[in-house]
Amino acid sequence: MSASQPPPNADVPTLLVKIFGKDRPGITAGLFDTLAAYAVDVVDIEQVVSRGRLVLCALVTAPTAGGATEGELRATVHSWAESLKLQAEIISGTGDNRPRGSGRSHVTVLGHPLTAESTAAIAATIAGTGGNIDRIFRLAKYPVTAVEFAVSGVETEPLRTALALEASEIGVDVAVVSAGLHRRAQRLVVMDVDSTLIQDEVIELFAAHAGCEDRVAEVTAAAMRGELDFEQSLHARVALLEGLDASVVDKVRTEVRLTPGARTLIRTLKRLGYQVGVVSGGFTQVTDDLKDRLGLDFASANTLEIKDGKLTGRVVGEIVDRAGKARLLRRFADEAGVPLAQTVAIGDGANDLDMLNAAGLGVAFNAKPVVRKAAHTAVNVPFLDTVLYLLGITREEVEAADDGTGEH
């Protein structure tokens, strides 16, 4: 059937042929070889293998050519199945599967572990919104269990709202994105650096060398909670670094610890054709090094002023604050030739909120409560590469793109 031809009429007799049993090579070919003798057309196919057990479903038109009867087809299929120690079930009906309802979404559920209780709660919430689960597919089994539900019959926004509330109650991460080609077309990912791409707060690493780590940490925490104006807190913290020898920059670069999964995330995205950037309220003295080490396409941050081999306690140039991060996301998208709706932003702090909301998909990564509530979705497991599953990328695809040096 060509793409321009309509599906079978609703009153055309069809047969649903279901095969169950131990999986092995050649079953699918064998079934359709058997059906070919009756000159039937294939309307739909579904096949699932779980723990070595196969479920194969074929929706075909009823036999009409050469005087063959439905009863003969049934007998032949059952005989073939028995010869392979498989079970067969054939159900008569008319037409194709019923069309999916309007409003289609992908719901990705991350569990560590994913329990039956939480899965039941997610499924019940989908049903409660009027949504129908059309298909379920496992994306990954480690380092977390990631499962994707294809849902129709409800618009994305009300579904996302209902599931966000349920997810916070049961302690799983749920992402809801609208279905469509644009999902695979998201070609730019921009992330925060401190406590997102890396495990550290860079200014605290500098402060440790200046002997003022505790004072800086207090101000950083208040700023990330949204209790202080970021620019004011930045100047206050940087002022404490005045007089520090510039040689400390190299020391801090060696102390930076990447978040588990960071290399895998970036390597996989790059190999799949994405562009990747970072924006940071930290410092170019570190982000430029990360850009070179990780092969990033874009990087922007604040710059510590250095004179006569010493930190002056000031920053120079444009300040990268909450509004600045959103502005840089737009700039990067422009330079990459990517519509803003097809961008992904990842961050953890209050100063990431404008960027998360501006992106097509905003992901709060192990974020503060205020950020989790405002972002499109939240990830609360310590593996940055789990963001790949929110994009519909499976663990198998990650491993196929990997060069054998993945972290998990």
Protein backbone atom coordinates (compact mmCIF):
# COMPACT_ATOMS: atom_id res chain seq x y z
CA MET A 1 0.00 0.00 0.00
CA SER A 2 1.54 3.37 -0.95
CA ALA A 3 1.60 6.32 1.43
CA SER A 4 -1.13 7.97 -0.62
CA GLN A 5 -3.52 5.04 -0.45
CA PRO A 6 -6.10 4.93 2.35
CA PRO A 7 -6.18 2.11 4.93
CA PRO A 8 -8.76 -0.68 4.59
CA ASN A 9 -12.39 0.37 4.96
CA ALA A 10 -13.92 -0.21 8.35
CA ASP A 11 -16.15 -2.98 6.93
CA VAL A 12 -13.34 -5.00 5.25
CA PRO A 13 -12.92 -8.38 7.02
CA THR A 14 -9.57 -8.67 8.81
CA LEU A 15 -7.87 -11.26 11.03
CA LEU A 16 -5.70 -10.58 14.07
CA VAL A 17 -3.10 -13.37 14.18
CA LYS A 18 -1.29 -13.65 17.53
CA ILE A 19 1.73 -15.91 18.11
CA PHE A 20 3.20 -16.67 21.55
CA GLY A 21 6.21 -18.69 22.60
CA LYS A 22 9.96 -18.98 22.98
CA ASP A 23 11.76 -16.55 20.71
CA ARG A 24 14.20 -17.75 18.07
CA PRO A 25 15.37 -16.55 14.64
CA GLY A 26 12.96 -17.12 11.75
CA ILE A 27 9.58 -17.01 13.50
CA THR A 28 8.42 -13.77 11.88
CA ALA A 29 9.58 -14.93 8.44
CA GLY A 30 7.88 -18.30 8.97
CA LEU A 31 4.54 -16.77 9.92
CA PHE A 32 4.43 -14.48 6.89
CA ASP A 33 5.58 -17.30 4.58
CA THR A 34 2.59 -19.27 5.88
CA LEU A 35 0.22 -16.32 5.37
CA ALA A 36 1.60 -15.60 1.91
CA ALA A 37 -0.05 -18.77 0.58
CA TYR A 38 -3.42 -17.05 1.14
CA ALA A 39 -2.54 -13.77 -0.65
CA VAL A 40 -3.48 -11.62 2.35
CA ASP A 41 -2.38 -8.01 2.80
CA VAL A 42 -0.57 -6.88 5.95
CA VAL A 43 -2.41 -4.08 7.73
CA ASP A 44 -0.36 -3.85 10.96
CA ILE A 45 2.41 -5.68 12.82
CA GLU A 46 3.52 -5.59 16.46
CA GLN A 47 6.27 -7.73 17.99
CA VAL A 48 7.60 -7.77 21.56
CA VAL A 49 10.26 -9.98 23.11
CA SER A 50 10.54 -10.05 26.90
CA ARG A 51 12.92 -12.38 28.73
CA GLY A 52 13.17 -14.58 25.66
CA ARG A 53 9.40 -14.90 25.16
CA LEU A 54 7.84 -13.62 21.94
CA VAL A 55 4.47 -12.01 21.33
CA LEU A 56 3.92 -11.40 17.60
CA CYS A 57 0.69 -9.84 16.33
CA ALA A 58 -0.20 -9.47 12.66
CA LEU A 59 -3.37 -7.77 11.45
CA VAL A 60 -4.10 -9.01 7.92
CA THR A 61 -6.97 -8.93 5.47
CA ALA A 62 -9.12 -12.06 5.30
CA PRO A 63 -8.25 -14.47 2.42
CA THR A 64 -10.20 -13.83 -0.79
CA ALA A 65 -8.05 -15.13 -3.65
CA GLY A 66 -8.15 -18.65 -5.13
CA GLY A 67 -11.16 -19.81 -3.16
CA ALA A 68 -9.17 -20.14 0.09
CA THR A 69 -11.27 -19.93 3.24
CA GLU A 70 -10.61 -18.37 6.61
CA GLY A 71 -10.93 -21.82 8.14
CA GLU A 72 -8.11 -23.15 5.95
CA LEU A 73 -5.87 -20.23 6.92
CA ARG A 74 -6.60 -20.85 10.60
CA ALA A 75 -5.79 -24.55 10.31
CA THR A 76 -2.55 -23.88 8.44
CA VAL A 77 -1.35 -21.22 10.93
CA HIS A 78 -2.14 -23.45 13.94
CA SER A 79 -0.33 -26.38 12.31
CA TRP A 80 2.73 -24.23 11.61
CA ALA A 81 2.73 -22.87 15.19
CA GLU A 82 2.47 -26.34 16.73
CA SER A 83 5.39 -27.55 14.62
CA LEU A 84 7.55 -24.90 16.34
CA LYS A 85 6.01 -25.45 19.80
CA LEU A 86 4.33 -22.04 19.64
CA GLN A 87 0.77 -21.01 20.49
CA ALA A 88 -1.49 -19.25 17.99
CA GLU A 89 -4.71 -17.28 18.40
CA ILE A 90 -6.69 -15.84 15.49
CA ILE A 91 -9.48 -13.31 16.02
CA SER A 92 -11.90 -12.26 13.27
CA GLY A 93 -12.99 -8.66 12.91
CA THR A 94 -13.32 -5.80 10.46
CA GLY A 95 -11.09 -2.92 9.43
CA ASP A 96 -7.91 -1.57 10.95
CA ASN A 97 -7.15 -0.68 14.57
CA ARG A 98 -9.23 2.20 15.83
CA PRO A 99 -7.51 5.53 15.24
CA ARG A 100 -5.58 7.05 18.13
CA GLY A 101 -7.29 9.93 19.86
CA SER A 102 -6.27 13.52 19.28
CA GLY A 103 -3.59 14.87 21.55
CA ARG A 104 -0.52 12.64 21.51
CA SER A 105 2.36 12.61 23.95
CA HIS A 106 5.40 10.63 24.99
CA VAL A 107 5.53 10.00 28.74
CA THR A 108 8.96 8.92 29.98
CA VAL A 109 9.12 7.43 33.49
CA LEU A 110 12.46 7.04 35.30
CA GLY A 111 12.63 4.80 38.37
CA HIS A 112 15.53 3.74 40.55
CA PRO A 113 13.96 1.19 40.85
CA LEU A 114 10.65 1.42 39.00
CA THR A 115 8.09 -0.35 41.20
CA ALA A 116 4.76 -1.91 40.27
CA GLU A 117 3.07 0.50 42.68
CA SER A 118 4.48 3.60 40.98
CA THR A 119 3.74 2.20 37.50
CA ALA A 120 0.12 1.60 38.56
CA ALA A 121 -0.12 5.17 39.84
CA ILE A 122 1.23 6.63 36.58
CA ALA A 123 -1.12 4.49 34.46
CA ALA A 124 -4.11 5.43 36.63
CA THR A 125 -3.26 9.13 36.35
CA ILE A 126 -3.07 8.88 32.56
CA ALA A 127 -6.47 7.18 32.51
CA GLY A 128 -7.85 9.81 34.90
CA THR A 129 -7.02 12.58 32.44
CA GLY A 130 -8.88 10.74 29.68
CA GLY A 131 -5.69 9.53 28.05
CA ASN A 132 -5.20 6.11 26.53
CA ILE A 133 -1.91 4.21 26.64
CA ASP A 134 -1.29 3.01 23.09
CA ARG A 135 2.16 1.50 23.54
CA ILE A 136 4.77 0.94 26.25
CA PHE A 137 8.46 0.55 25.51
CA ARG A 138 11.50 0.14 27.77
CA LEU A 139 14.26 2.61 26.95
CA ALA A 140 16.81 1.50 29.53
CA LYS A 141 17.33 -0.93 32.40
CA TYR A 142 20.41 0.75 33.91
CA PRO A 143 21.61 2.92 35.57
CA VAL A 144 17.87 3.54 35.98
CA THR A 145 14.80 1.84 34.58
CA ALA A 146 13.35 4.11 31.89
CA VAL A 147 9.99 3.31 30.30
CA GLU A 148 8.15 5.29 27.64
CA PHE A 149 4.35 5.40 27.28
CA ALA A 150 2.79 6.55 24.01
CA VAL A 151 -0.41 8.30 25.09
CA SER A 152 -3.29 9.70 23.05
CA GLY A 153 -6.67 11.26 23.79
CA VAL A 154 -5.46 14.12 26.03
CA GLU A 155 -3.48 17.28 25.32
CA THR A 156 0.12 17.41 26.50
CA GLU A 157 -0.14 20.29 28.99
CA PRO A 158 -2.95 18.92 31.22
CA LEU A 159 -1.32 15.48 31.07
CA ARG A 160 2.03 16.97 32.13
CA THR A 161 0.41 18.87 35.01
CA ALA A 162 -1.42 15.79 36.34
CA LEU A 163 1.63 13.55 36.08
CA ALA A 164 3.96 16.10 37.67
CA LEU A 165 1.76 16.14 40.76
CA GLU A 166 1.59 12.34 40.88
CA ALA A 167 5.33 11.94 40.30
CA SER A 168 6.19 14.16 43.26
CA GLU A 169 3.91 12.06 45.46
CA ILE A 170 5.35 8.67 44.50
CA GLY A 171 9.00 9.63 44.04
CA VAL A 172 9.63 8.90 40.36
CA ASP A 173 10.70 11.21 37.55
CA VAL A 174 8.21 11.75 34.73
CA ALA A 175 8.73 13.75 31.55
CA VAL A 176 5.87 14.54 29.16
CA VAL A 177 6.57 15.87 25.66
CA SER A 178 4.26 16.22 22.70
CA ALA A 179 4.63 13.59 19.98
CA GLY A 180 5.82 14.49 16.52
CA LEU A 181 8.86 14.74 14.29
CA HIS A 182 10.16 17.74 16.23
CA ARG A 183 11.12 15.48 19.11
CA ARG A 184 13.84 13.83 17.05
CA ALA A 185 14.73 17.21 15.55
CA GLN A 186 15.89 18.81 18.83
CA ARG A 187 19.43 19.65 17.79
CA LEU A 188 20.77 21.91 20.55
CA VAL A 189 21.28 21.08 24.24
CA VAL A 190 22.47 23.80 26.61
CA MET A 191 23.27 23.09 30.24
CA ASP A 192 24.32 24.84 33.40
CA VAL A 193 27.77 23.91 34.72
CA ASP A 194 27.98 24.06 38.53
CA SER A 195 26.08 21.15 40.14
CA THR A 196 24.84 20.10 36.70
CA LEU A 197 27.65 19.31 34.25
CA ILE A 198 30.05 19.14 37.19
CA GLN A 199 29.54 18.11 40.81
CA ASP A 200 31.16 21.24 42.23
CA GLU A 201 30.47 24.94 42.68
CA VAL A 202 33.51 26.47 41.00
CA ILE A 203 33.59 29.59 43.15
CA GLU A 204 33.76 27.38 46.23
CA LEU A 205 36.81 25.63 44.77
CA PHE A 206 38.48 29.03 44.39
CA ALA A 207 37.30 30.05 47.85
CA ALA A 208 38.90 26.96 49.40
CA HIS A 209 42.28 28.24 48.20
CA ALA A 210 41.49 31.68 49.64
CA GLY A 211 40.40 30.29 53.02
CA CYS A 212 36.87 31.69 52.77
CA GLU A 213 34.97 28.61 51.58
CA ASP A 214 32.30 28.66 54.30
CA ARG A 215 31.37 32.29 53.73
CA VAL A 216 31.16 31.80 49.96
CA ALA A 217 29.11 28.59 50.31
CA GLU A 218 26.50 30.37 52.44
CA VAL A 219 26.02 33.09 49.83
CA THR A 220 25.96 30.55 46.95
CA ALA A 221 23.27 28.45 48.63
CA ALA A 222 21.07 31.48 49.26
CA ALA A 223 21.46 32.64 45.65
CA MET A 224 20.58 29.20 44.24
CA ARG A 225 17.44 29.13 46.39
CA GLY A 226 16.42 32.44 44.87
CA GLU A 227 16.80 34.35 48.15
CA LEU A 228 19.46 36.75 46.85
CA ASP A 229 19.93 38.71 43.64
CA PHE A 230 22.46 36.70 41.64
CA GLU A 231 24.55 39.61 40.38
CA GLN A 232 24.91 41.11 43.86
CA SER A 233 25.82 37.74 45.33
CA LEU A 234 28.35 37.14 42.53
CA HIS A 235 30.17 40.41 43.23
CA ALA A 236 30.11 39.73 46.98
CA ARG A 237 31.62 36.28 46.57
CA VAL A 238 34.22 37.25 43.99
CA ALA A 239 35.37 40.14 46.20
CA LEU A 240 36.48 37.55 48.77
CA LEU A 241 38.98 36.16 46.23
CA GLU A 242 40.95 39.41 45.95
CA GLY A 243 44.70 38.85 46.03
CA LEU A 244 44.56 35.15 45.20
CA ASP A 245 47.46 34.08 42.96
CA ALA A 246 46.39 33.40 39.35
CA SER A 247 48.18 30.04 39.44
CA VAL A 248 45.19 28.75 41.40
CA VAL A 249 43.22 28.61 38.11
CA ASP A 250 45.17 25.55 36.97
CA LYS A 251 44.66 23.91 40.36
CA VAL A 252 40.91 24.48 40.27
CA ARG A 253 40.68 23.02 36.75
CA THR A 254 42.22 19.76 38.02
CA GLU A 255 39.82 19.68 41.00
CA VAL A 256 36.64 19.90 38.91
CA ARG A 257 34.66 16.62 39.00
CA LEU A 258 32.32 15.83 36.13
CA THR A 259 28.84 14.58 37.06
CA PRO A 260 28.43 10.82 36.45
CA GLY A 261 27.16 10.35 32.91
CA ALA A 262 28.34 13.77 31.69
CA ARG A 263 30.85 12.44 29.18
CA THR A 264 28.36 9.82 27.96
CA LEU A 265 25.64 12.47 27.51
CA ILE A 266 27.85 14.81 25.50
CA ARG A 267 29.53 12.09 23.45
CA THR A 268 26.19 10.51 22.51
CA LEU A 269 24.54 13.82 21.61
CA LYS A 270 27.50 14.82 19.45
CA ARG A 271 27.51 11.51 17.61
CA LEU A 272 23.79 11.82 16.98
CA GLY A 273 24.30 15.24 15.38
CA TYR A 274 23.28 17.50 18.26
CA GLN A 275 25.12 20.69 19.17
CA VAL A 276 25.95 21.11 22.86
CA GLY A 277 26.75 24.18 24.91
CA VAL A 278 27.15 25.41 28.47
CA VAL A 279 26.20 28.65 30.19
CA SER A 280 27.46 29.34 33.67
CA GLY A 281 27.34 31.86 36.47
CA GLY A 282 30.85 30.56 37.12
CA PHE A 283 33.95 31.55 35.25
CA THR A 284 35.42 31.31 31.76
CA GLN A 285 38.71 30.26 33.34
CA VAL A 286 37.01 26.89 33.92
CA THR A 287 34.30 26.71 31.23
CA ASP A 288 36.77 27.37 28.40
CA ASP A 289 38.80 24.40 29.62
CA LEU A 290 35.65 22.23 29.78
CA LYS A 291 34.73 23.31 26.25
CA ASP A 292 38.09 22.13 24.95
CA ARG A 293 38.13 18.89 26.95
CA LEU A 294 34.58 17.82 26.11
CA GLY A 295 34.34 19.14 22.54
CA LEU A 296 31.48 21.54 23.28
CA ASP A 297 30.13 23.83 20.57
CA PHE A 298 29.30 26.80 22.80
CA ALA A 299 30.39 28.08 26.21
CA SER A 300 29.78 31.33 28.05
CA ALA A 301 30.41 32.42 31.65
CA ASN A 302 31.65 35.30 33.76
CA THR A 303 35.33 36.20 33.66
CA LEU A 304 37.50 36.76 36.72
CA GLU A 305 39.72 39.83 36.35
CA ILE A 306 43.42 39.07 36.73
CA LYS A 307 46.10 41.78 36.99
CA ASP A 308 49.79 41.37 37.74
CA GLY A 309 49.28 37.64 38.31
CA LYS A 310 46.60 38.15 40.98
CA LEU A 311 42.79 37.97 41.12
CA THR A 312 41.43 41.48 41.66
CA GLY A 313 38.18 40.40 43.28
CA ARG A 314 36.18 41.67 40.31
CA VAL A 315 34.58 40.23 37.18
CA VAL A 316 34.84 41.82 33.76
CA GLY A 317 32.52 41.85 30.77
CA GLU A 318 28.86 40.91 30.45
CA ILE A 319 27.41 39.29 33.57
CA VAL A 320 25.88 35.85 33.04
CA ASP A 321 22.94 35.87 35.44
CA ARG A 322 19.41 34.42 35.28
CA ALA A 323 18.30 36.64 32.38
CA GLY A 324 21.72 36.28 30.75
CA LYS A 325 21.44 32.49 30.58
CA ALA A 326 18.13 32.72 28.69
CA ARG A 327 19.63 35.35 26.40
CA LEU A 328 22.62 33.10 25.67
CA LEU A 329 20.34 30.13 24.95
CA ARG A 330 18.63 32.24 22.29
CA ARG A 331 21.99 33.38 20.93
CA PHE A 332 23.34 29.84 20.72
CA ALA A 333 20.13 28.65 19.03
CA ASP A 334 20.47 31.48 16.48
CA GLU A 335 24.08 30.60 15.76
CA ALA A 336 23.23 26.89 15.51
CA GLY A 337 20.26 27.57 13.21
CA VAL A 338 17.92 25.74 15.60
CA PRO A 339 14.40 27.00 16.46
CA LEU A 340 14.04 27.73 20.18
CA ALA A 341 11.22 25.19 20.36
CA GLN A 342 13.74 22.50 19.41
CA THR A 343 16.23 23.26 22.18
CA VAL A 344 16.80 21.48 25.48
CA ALA A 345 18.05 23.28 28.61
CA ILE A 346 19.31 21.57 31.76
CA GLY A 347 19.96 23.25 35.11
CA ASP A 348 19.57 23.04 38.87
CA GLY A 349 19.37 26.55 40.33
CA ALA A 350 16.99 29.49 40.47
CA ASN A 351 19.23 31.40 38.05
CA ASP A 352 18.52 28.67 35.45
CA LEU A 353 14.74 29.18 35.49
CA ASP A 354 14.46 31.69 32.64
CA MET A 355 16.60 29.44 30.44
CA LEU A 356 14.59 26.32 31.36
CA ASN A 357 11.32 28.06 30.57
CA ALA A 358 12.59 29.52 27.28
CA ALA A 359 13.74 26.15 25.93
CA GLY A 360 11.52 23.70 24.10
CA LEU A 361 12.23 21.25 26.92
CA GLY A 362 13.52 22.47 30.29
CA VAL A 363 14.98 19.78 32.57
CA ALA A 364 15.57 20.41 36.27
CA PHE A 365 18.51 18.18 37.22
CA ASN A 366 18.68 17.29 40.93
CA ALA A 367 17.34 20.79 41.39
CA LYS A 368 16.19 22.99 44.23
CA PRO A 369 12.42 22.67 44.98
CA VAL A 370 11.56 26.02 43.39
CA VAL A 371 13.23 24.89 40.16
CA ARG A 372 11.60 21.44 40.12
CA LYS A 373 8.18 23.03 40.39
CA ALA A 374 8.75 25.48 37.55
CA ALA A 375 10.59 23.30 35.00
CA HIS A 376 8.92 21.17 32.30
CA THR A 377 10.33 18.04 33.90
CA ALA A 378 12.70 16.98 36.67
CA VAL A 379 15.39 14.31 36.92
CA ASN A 380 16.33 13.36 40.46
CA VAL A 381 18.84 10.55 39.89
CA PRO A 382 22.60 11.30 39.93
CA PHE A 383 23.27 10.33 36.31
CA LEU A 384 23.31 13.15 33.77
CA ASP A 385 23.01 10.81 30.79
CA THR A 386 19.46 9.86 31.87
CA VAL A 387 18.45 13.07 30.06
CA LEU A 388 18.98 11.08 26.85
CA TYR A 389 15.95 8.93 27.68
CA LEU A 390 13.76 12.04 27.83
CA LEU A 391 14.71 12.59 24.19
CA GLY A 392 13.56 9.07 23.28
CA ILE A 393 17.13 7.76 22.94
CA THR A 394 17.45 4.18 24.20
CA ARG A 395 20.29 2.67 26.19
CA GLU A 396 21.08 0.47 23.19
CA GLU A 397 21.48 3.58 21.02
CA VAL A 398 23.72 5.12 23.67
CA GLU A 399 25.93 2.06 23.67
CA ALA A 400 25.98 1.91 19.88
CA ALA A 401 27.20 5.53 19.82
CA ASP A 402 29.68 4.92 22.62
CA ASP A 403 33.35 4.29 22.04
CA GLY A 404 33.67 1.72 24.80
CA THR A 405 34.76 4.12 27.52
CA GLY A 406 31.33 4.91 29.02
CA GLU A 407 31.11 5.56 32.74
CA HIS A 408 28.36 3.06 33.64
